[in-house]
Amino acid sequence: MTKRFGDVVAVDDLSIAFAEGEFFTLLGPSGCGKTTTLRMIAGFEQETAGQVLIDGEDVAGLPPYKRPTNTVFQSYALFPHLSVRDNVAFGLKRKGVDRAETERRVSEELGRVGLAQEANRRPAQLSGGQQQRVALARALVNLPKVLLLDEPLGALDLKLRKGLQVELKRIQREVGITFVYVTHDQEEALTMSDRIAVMNRGRVEQVGDPEQVYDRPATSFVAGFIGVSNLMPGTVASAGARGEVKLDAGVTIKASTDGLSAGARCQAVVRPEKLQVSDPKGRADRKQPSVEGVVESSLYLGTSTQLIVRLPDSVAMTVLVPNADEAERQRLPGGGAKVRLSWAPEHMHLVPVAGPAGGDSSDG
């Protein structure tokens, strides 16, 4: 489907299938179109072209309250004058569900989100995390086929957010409802999702499980947006499963170049935690590709030490070394030291060179 606002294309020819019962995340920077996509599924926005099918039925034209969906917003959107119990029961009462069934389902959902003891309190008497649980219970009690969540944890502090990530995933598995989740937080997406769609400028750059999008990014945008990546520019010297890439840093390494032809520009992606640091004067492992550079900085991060190494082509490489042993940490090279960076062949992935990417400052 496509969505245009005047001359602006917010969602550009997007096509995704969500599996029943999966936790699916739309991930991307502000302005990439993820929220607009969610609002079209919910019925708050009408698509310019295309369809929204739920269980094979086209819901185009149906208002939000007639779709088999419910939405949980970042703002909670609770009724301040109603108790927790009445907030959760609101949708069922509007649908005319009988009193006994309403009480049963409300009690079940409040128990599921851990708020049974808070049923008679008002939203203002609850913490932000508790209010978000009320909003979740209010959505789940209606038994939607699809639950849509628009950055629901964005207003919470880091510790509470991490705790609720685990709770949300547990609840999703327990109820078996399809969750479609919108976030710009890469760690949140990797933690919670069965699959992730990485969006950029209204288009989907890659769809895959968390391991795929982290370890095997399809584009340089995905590689740069998901976590921290080292992107070493180069040129395909020979193509194929046993091909070679000549890096701008001055070395030629063996690599699978599937999908890339000889002469094509590319970037070799290696994650910081996959890099090994050694003395360039020492004996190199011929089975491992490597580059040499100079340490620019060393930063203690608690669980790890971060090194920034500058290569001959001026590319800055980030290296994360676990602080498992204090004596080893003390032996790490400091600023100005020449080092060799090496990695296992399976830890490098090639992506084609793309044009400049990114989103604007407004959420899409």
Protein backbone atom coordinates (compact mmCIF):
# COMPACT_ATOMS: atom_id res chain seq x y z
CA MET A 1 0.00 0.00 0.00
CA THR A 2 0.93 3.64 -0.47
CA LYS A 3 0.07 6.75 1.53
CA ARG A 4 0.59 10.29 0.27
CA PHE A 5 0.06 13.56 2.14
CA GLY A 6 -0.05 16.04 -0.73
CA ASP A 7 3.30 15.77 -2.50
CA VAL A 8 4.88 13.82 0.37
CA VAL A 9 4.98 10.01 0.05
CA ALA A 10 4.86 8.75 3.66
CA VAL A 11 4.53 5.05 2.77
CA ASP A 12 5.81 3.92 -0.61
CA ASP A 13 4.46 0.68 -2.13
CA LEU A 14 4.77 -1.31 1.09
CA SER A 15 3.81 -4.98 1.22
CA ILE A 16 4.10 -7.09 4.39
CA ALA A 17 2.35 -10.23 5.62
CA PHE A 18 2.06 -10.67 9.38
CA ALA A 19 1.77 -14.28 10.55
CA GLU A 20 -1.00 -15.18 12.97
CA GLY A 21 0.22 -15.06 16.57
CA GLU A 22 3.61 -13.46 15.87
CA PHE A 23 5.26 -10.44 17.47
CA PHE A 24 6.10 -8.25 14.47
CA THR A 25 7.97 -4.95 14.83
CA LEU A 26 8.11 -1.98 12.45
CA LEU A 27 11.48 -0.41 13.20
CA GLY A 28 13.01 2.77 11.83
CA PRO A 29 13.94 6.40 12.47
CA SER A 30 11.42 9.22 12.88
CA GLY A 31 9.75 10.02 9.59
CA CYS A 32 10.24 6.57 8.04
CA GLY A 33 6.50 5.79 7.77
CA LYS A 34 6.10 3.18 10.51
CA THR A 35 3.42 5.04 12.49
CA THR A 36 1.50 5.90 9.32
CA THR A 37 1.55 2.20 8.41
CA LEU A 38 0.16 1.30 11.84
CA ARG A 39 -2.55 3.95 11.56
CA MET A 40 -3.64 2.59 8.18
CA ILE A 41 -3.96 -0.91 9.65
CA ALA A 42 -6.00 0.54 12.52
CA GLY A 43 -8.21 2.62 10.22
CA PHE A 44 -7.16 6.04 11.56
CA GLU A 45 -5.67 6.82 8.13
CA GLN A 46 -6.95 5.69 4.74
CA GLU A 47 -4.38 4.39 2.28
CA THR A 48 -3.96 6.30 -1.00
CA ALA A 49 -3.56 2.99 -2.84
CA GLY A 50 -3.54 -0.66 -1.85
CA GLN A 51 -5.35 -2.84 0.66
CA VAL A 52 -5.33 -3.94 4.28
CA LEU A 53 -6.41 -7.57 4.60
CA ILE A 54 -7.11 -9.24 7.95
CA ASP A 55 -7.79 -12.97 7.70
CA GLY A 56 -8.19 -12.43 3.97
CA GLU A 57 -10.93 -9.79 4.36
CA ASP A 58 -10.39 -6.28 3.01
CA VAL A 59 -11.08 -3.82 5.84
CA ALA A 60 -10.66 -0.71 3.65
CA GLY A 61 -13.30 1.86 4.52
CA LEU A 62 -14.13 0.34 7.89
CA PRO A 63 -13.73 2.74 10.84
CA PRO A 64 -11.35 1.69 13.64
CA TYR A 65 -14.11 0.48 15.97
CA LYS A 66 -15.39 -1.95 13.32
CA ARG A 67 -11.99 -3.52 12.62
CA PRO A 68 -10.75 -6.61 14.53
CA THR A 69 -7.89 -4.50 15.91
CA ASN A 70 -7.08 -2.51 19.03
CA THR A 71 -4.38 0.11 19.48
CA VAL A 72 -2.18 0.87 22.50
CA PHE A 73 -0.73 4.38 22.35
CA GLN A 74 2.35 5.89 23.99
CA SER A 75 0.06 8.43 25.71
CA TYR A 76 -2.02 5.63 27.36
CA ALA A 77 -5.29 7.56 26.56
CA LEU A 78 -6.99 6.42 29.78
CA PHE A 79 -10.19 8.02 31.11
CA PRO A 80 -9.06 9.92 34.22
CA HIS A 81 -12.52 9.90 35.86
CA LEU A 82 -12.93 6.11 35.62
CA SER A 83 -11.41 3.43 37.81
CA VAL A 84 -8.90 0.93 36.44
CA ARG A 85 -11.67 -1.67 36.27
CA ASP A 86 -14.04 0.64 34.40
CA ASN A 87 -11.29 1.74 31.99
CA VAL A 88 -10.66 -1.88 31.05
CA ALA A 89 -14.38 -2.66 30.82
CA PHE A 90 -15.21 0.38 28.68
CA GLY A 91 -14.98 -1.31 25.29
CA LEU A 92 -16.96 -4.36 26.38
CA LYS A 93 -19.77 -2.19 27.74
CA ARG A 94 -19.90 -0.27 24.45
CA LYS A 95 -20.30 -3.59 22.63
CA GLY A 96 -23.12 -4.69 24.92
CA VAL A 97 -21.30 -7.67 26.45
CA ASP A 98 -23.31 -8.95 29.43
CA ARG A 99 -22.21 -8.02 32.93
CA ALA A 100 -21.02 -11.44 34.08
CA GLU A 101 -18.87 -11.96 30.98
CA THR A 102 -17.48 -8.43 31.27
CA GLU A 103 -16.49 -8.94 34.91
CA ARG A 104 -14.87 -12.29 34.09
CA ARG A 105 -12.81 -10.95 31.22
CA VAL A 106 -11.81 -7.75 33.03
CA SER A 107 -10.65 -9.73 36.08
CA GLU A 108 -8.70 -12.11 33.84
CA GLU A 109 -6.86 -9.32 32.03
CA LEU A 110 -6.11 -7.33 35.18
CA GLY A 111 -4.64 -10.49 36.65
CA ARG A 112 -2.60 -11.07 33.49
CA VAL A 113 -1.00 -7.62 33.69
CA GLY A 114 -0.53 -7.78 37.47
CA LEU A 115 -3.07 -5.09 38.44
CA ALA A 116 -5.82 -7.06 40.16
CA GLN A 117 -5.13 -5.22 43.43
CA GLU A 118 -5.37 -1.81 41.72
CA ALA A 119 -8.80 -2.32 40.14
CA ASN A 120 -10.56 0.45 42.12
CA ARG A 121 -7.85 3.10 41.76
CA ARG A 122 -7.91 5.98 39.28
CA PRO A 123 -5.20 6.40 36.58
CA ALA A 124 -3.71 9.42 38.37
CA GLN A 125 -2.97 7.19 41.37
CA LEU A 126 -0.84 4.83 39.26
CA SER A 127 2.74 4.98 38.01
CA GLY A 128 3.48 5.36 34.31
CA GLY A 129 4.25 1.66 34.01
CA GLN A 130 0.99 0.72 35.71
CA GLN A 131 -0.99 3.06 33.45
CA GLN A 132 0.58 1.40 30.41
CA ARG A 133 -0.49 -2.00 31.78
CA VAL A 134 -4.06 -0.70 32.12
CA ALA A 135 -3.98 0.45 28.49
CA LEU A 136 -2.72 -2.99 27.46
CA ALA A 137 -5.42 -4.79 29.47
CA ARG A 138 -8.11 -2.52 27.98
CA ALA A 139 -6.98 -3.51 24.48
CA LEU A 140 -6.57 -7.24 25.19
CA VAL A 141 -9.95 -7.60 26.89
CA ASN A 142 -11.65 -7.02 23.52
CA LEU A 143 -9.93 -10.11 22.06
CA PRO A 144 -8.69 -8.39 18.89
CA LYS A 145 -7.18 -10.42 16.08
CA VAL A 146 -4.39 -7.86 15.85
CA LEU A 147 -3.04 -5.66 18.65
CA LEU A 148 -1.29 -2.51 17.38
CA LEU A 149 1.25 -0.86 19.70
CA ASP A 150 2.58 2.61 18.85
CA GLU A 151 5.81 3.12 20.86
CA PRO A 152 3.94 2.17 24.06
CA LEU A 153 7.07 2.18 26.25
CA GLY A 154 8.62 5.36 24.90
CA ALA A 155 7.59 7.58 27.86
CA LEU A 156 8.98 5.23 30.53
CA ASP A 157 12.40 5.29 32.17
CA LEU A 158 15.04 2.78 31.01
CA LYS A 159 14.77 0.26 33.87
CA LEU A 160 10.97 0.15 33.75
CA ARG A 161 11.00 -0.06 29.95
CA LYS A 162 13.28 -3.09 30.00
CA GLY A 163 11.08 -4.82 32.57
CA LEU A 164 7.93 -4.20 30.54
CA GLN A 165 9.62 -5.50 27.37
CA VAL A 166 9.88 -8.91 29.01
CA GLU A 167 6.30 -8.66 30.31
CA LEU A 168 4.90 -7.69 26.91
CA LYS A 169 6.59 -10.64 25.23
CA ARG A 170 5.31 -13.01 27.93
CA ILE A 171 1.76 -11.69 27.57
CA GLN A 172 1.89 -11.94 23.78
CA ARG A 173 2.94 -15.59 23.95
CA GLU A 174 0.26 -16.30 26.54
CA VAL A 175 -2.66 -14.76 24.64
CA GLY A 176 -1.45 -15.79 21.16
CA ILE A 177 -2.65 -12.57 19.53
CA THR A 178 -0.73 -11.01 16.65
CA PHE A 179 1.18 -7.97 17.92
CA VAL A 180 2.32 -5.28 15.46
CA TYR A 181 4.72 -3.03 17.35
CA VAL A 182 6.20 0.32 16.30
CA THR A 183 9.49 1.55 17.73
CA HIS A 184 12.67 3.43 16.84
CA ASP A 185 14.58 1.57 19.59
CA GLN A 186 16.80 -1.10 17.99
CA GLU A 187 17.47 -2.97 21.25
CA GLU A 188 13.75 -3.08 22.02
CA ALA A 189 13.03 -4.57 18.59
CA LEU A 190 15.78 -7.19 18.87
CA THR A 191 14.64 -8.18 22.37
CA MET A 192 10.94 -8.63 21.72
CA SER A 193 10.31 -9.49 18.08
CA ASP A 194 9.75 -12.70 16.18
CA ARG A 195 10.35 -10.70 13.00
CA ILE A 196 11.36 -7.12 12.23
CA ALA A 197 10.72 -4.86 9.25
CA VAL A 198 13.36 -2.12 9.05
CA MET A 199 11.85 0.94 7.38
CA ASN A 200 13.50 3.97 5.78
CA ARG A 201 11.87 6.82 3.85
CA GLY A 202 8.55 5.01 3.53
CA ARG A 203 10.05 1.77 2.24
CA VAL A 204 10.94 -1.55 3.82
CA GLU A 205 14.69 -2.17 3.60
CA GLN A 206 14.63 -5.67 5.12
CA VAL A 207 12.28 -8.13 6.82
CA GLY A 208 13.74 -10.90 8.95
CA ASP A 209 14.13 -12.33 12.41
CA PRO A 210 16.34 -10.41 14.88
CA GLU A 211 19.40 -12.55 14.16
CA GLN A 212 19.07 -12.02 10.40
CA VAL A 213 18.75 -8.24 10.51
CA TYR A 214 21.63 -7.97 13.00
CA ASP A 215 24.10 -10.47 11.55
CA ARG A 216 23.05 -10.37 7.86
CA PRO A 217 21.86 -6.83 7.07
CA ALA A 218 20.53 -6.50 3.53
CA THR A 219 21.57 -2.87 3.02
CA SER A 220 24.06 -0.37 4.40
CA PHE A 221 21.16 1.48 6.03
CA VAL A 222 20.11 -1.61 8.00
CA ALA A 223 23.73 -2.30 8.93
CA GLY A 224 24.15 1.22 10.24
CA PHE A 225 20.78 1.51 11.97
CA ILE A 226 20.70 -1.81 13.85
CA GLY A 227 23.27 -1.57 16.61
CA VAL A 228 26.84 -0.42 15.89
CA SER A 229 28.42 -1.53 12.61
CA ASN A 230 31.84 -1.17 11.05
CA LEU A 231 31.43 -0.44 7.34
CA MET A 232 34.62 -0.91 5.33
CA PRO A 233 34.21 0.33 1.73
CA GLY A 234 35.66 -1.72 -1.08
CA THR A 235 35.26 -3.08 -4.61
CA VAL A 236 34.34 -6.59 -5.71
CA ALA A 237 37.47 -8.01 -7.36
CA SER A 238 35.89 -11.33 -8.34
CA ALA A 239 32.30 -12.47 -7.88
CA GLY A 240 30.77 -15.67 -6.56
CA ALA A 241 30.66 -17.81 -3.43
CA ARG A 242 34.50 -17.84 -3.42
CA GLY A 243 34.94 -14.26 -4.55
CA GLU A 244 37.29 -11.53 -3.41
CA VAL A 245 36.86 -7.94 -2.26
CA LYS A 246 39.55 -5.29 -2.35
CA LEU A 247 39.02 -2.98 0.62
CA ASP A 248 39.89 0.70 0.35
CA ALA A 249 42.11 0.09 3.38
CA GLY A 250 44.51 -1.67 0.97
CA VAL A 251 43.92 -5.39 1.54
CA THR A 252 42.16 -7.99 -0.59
CA ILE A 253 40.08 -10.57 1.27
CA LYS A 254 38.09 -13.63 0.27
CA ALA A 255 34.32 -13.27 0.61
CA SER A 256 31.06 -14.56 -0.75
CA THR A 257 29.83 -11.85 -3.13
CA ASP A 258 26.43 -13.34 -3.97
CA GLY A 259 24.29 -10.70 -5.67
CA LEU A 260 27.27 -8.45 -6.42
CA SER A 261 29.15 -8.39 -9.72
CA ALA A 262 32.86 -7.78 -10.31
CA GLY A 263 33.66 -4.08 -10.14
CA ALA A 264 30.68 -3.27 -7.92
CA ARG A 265 31.21 -1.00 -4.94
CA CYS A 266 30.27 -2.52 -1.61
CA GLN A 267 30.82 -2.31 2.12
CA ALA A 268 32.11 -5.09 4.34
CA VAL A 269 30.15 -5.19 7.61
CA VAL A 270 31.71 -6.50 10.82
CA ARG A 271 30.15 -5.95 14.25
CA PRO A 272 32.42 -4.44 16.97
CA GLU A 273 32.20 -7.48 19.26
CA LYS A 274 33.39 -9.79 16.46
CA LEU A 275 36.75 -8.04 16.04
CA GLN A 276 39.97 -9.32 17.61
CA VAL A 277 42.87 -6.98 18.43
CA SER A 278 46.49 -8.09 18.11
CA ASP A 279 50.03 -6.79 17.54
CA PRO A 280 50.66 -6.29 13.78
CA LYS A 281 54.22 -7.59 14.28
CA GLY A 282 52.90 -10.92 15.47
CA ARG A 283 52.07 -13.89 13.29
CA ALA A 284 48.73 -13.50 11.49
CA ASP A 285 46.20 -16.30 11.11
CA ARG A 286 45.95 -16.74 7.33
CA LYS A 287 42.42 -18.15 7.68
CA GLN A 288 41.17 -14.89 9.16
CA PRO A 289 40.85 -11.67 7.14
CA SER A 290 42.44 -8.65 8.80
CA VAL A 291 43.27 -4.96 8.46
CA GLU A 292 45.80 -2.77 10.24
CA GLY A 293 45.28 0.63 11.81
CA VAL A 294 46.12 2.98 14.65
CA VAL A 295 44.26 3.22 17.97
CA GLU A 296 42.70 6.65 18.37
CA SER A 297 41.01 6.15 21.74
CA SER A 298 40.23 3.63 24.45
CA LEU A 299 37.11 4.01 26.58
CA TYR A 300 36.12 1.94 29.63
CA LEU A 301 32.39 1.04 29.41
CA GLY A 302 32.06 -1.24 32.43
CA THR A 303 31.30 -4.63 30.88
CA SER A 304 33.60 -3.89 27.94
CA THR A 305 36.31 -1.56 26.66
CA GLN A 306 35.71 0.33 23.43
CA LEU A 307 38.61 1.00 21.07
CA ILE A 308 38.42 3.31 18.06
CA VAL A 309 40.92 2.26 15.39
CA ARG A 310 41.61 4.41 12.31
CA LEU A 311 42.40 2.49 9.09
CA PRO A 312 44.68 3.75 6.26
CA ASP A 313 41.63 4.90 4.28
CA SER A 314 40.50 7.00 7.30
CA VAL A 315 37.63 4.66 8.19
CA ALA A 316 37.10 4.54 11.97
CA MET A 317 36.53 1.04 13.35
CA THR A 318 34.78 0.45 16.68
CA VAL A 319 36.01 -2.56 18.67
CA LEU A 320 34.36 -3.91 21.84
CA VAL A 321 36.56 -6.08 24.06
CA PRO A 322 34.80 -7.79 27.02
CA ASN A 323 36.29 -6.89 30.41
CA ALA A 324 36.42 -10.51 31.52
CA ASP A 325 39.93 -10.25 32.98
CA GLU A 326 41.44 -7.13 34.53
CA ALA A 327 45.02 -8.12 33.65
CA GLU A 328 44.05 -8.55 29.99
CA ARG A 329 42.25 -5.21 30.02
CA GLN A 330 45.36 -3.49 31.30
CA ARG A 331 47.31 -4.94 28.36
CA LEU A 332 44.98 -3.45 25.73
CA PRO A 333 46.78 -0.97 23.43
CA GLY A 334 46.34 2.74 24.09
CA GLY A 335 46.10 5.76 21.81
CA GLY A 336 48.69 5.85 19.02
CA ALA A 337 49.42 2.11 19.07
CA LYS A 338 49.46 0.20 15.78
CA VAL A 339 47.17 -2.84 15.84
CA ARG A 340 45.81 -5.59 13.64
CA LEU A 341 42.04 -6.18 13.56
CA SER A 342 40.97 -9.65 12.48
CA TRP A 343 37.71 -11.58 12.35
CA ALA A 344 36.29 -14.95 11.41
CA PRO A 345 35.14 -15.06 7.74
CA GLU A 346 31.57 -15.94 8.76
CA HIS A 347 31.36 -12.74 10.82
CA MET A 348 31.71 -10.48 7.77
CA HIS A 349 28.83 -9.64 5.47
CA LEU A 350 28.83 -7.58 2.24
CA VAL A 351 26.17 -5.02 1.41
CA PRO A 352 25.87 -2.93 -1.76
CA VAL A 353 26.73 0.74 -1.56
CA ALA A 354 23.57 2.83 -1.36
CA GLY A 355 22.85 6.53 -1.60
CA PRO A 356 22.34 8.74 1.46
CA ALA A 357 19.56 7.55 3.72
CA GLY A 358 17.68 8.76 6.73
CA GLY A 359 14.45 10.32 7.89
CA ASP A 360 13.30 13.79 8.68
CA SER A 361 12.64 14.98 12.17
CA SER A 362 8.89 14.35 12.19
CA ASP A 363 7.39 10.97 12.92
CA GLY A 364 5.76 9.33 9.92
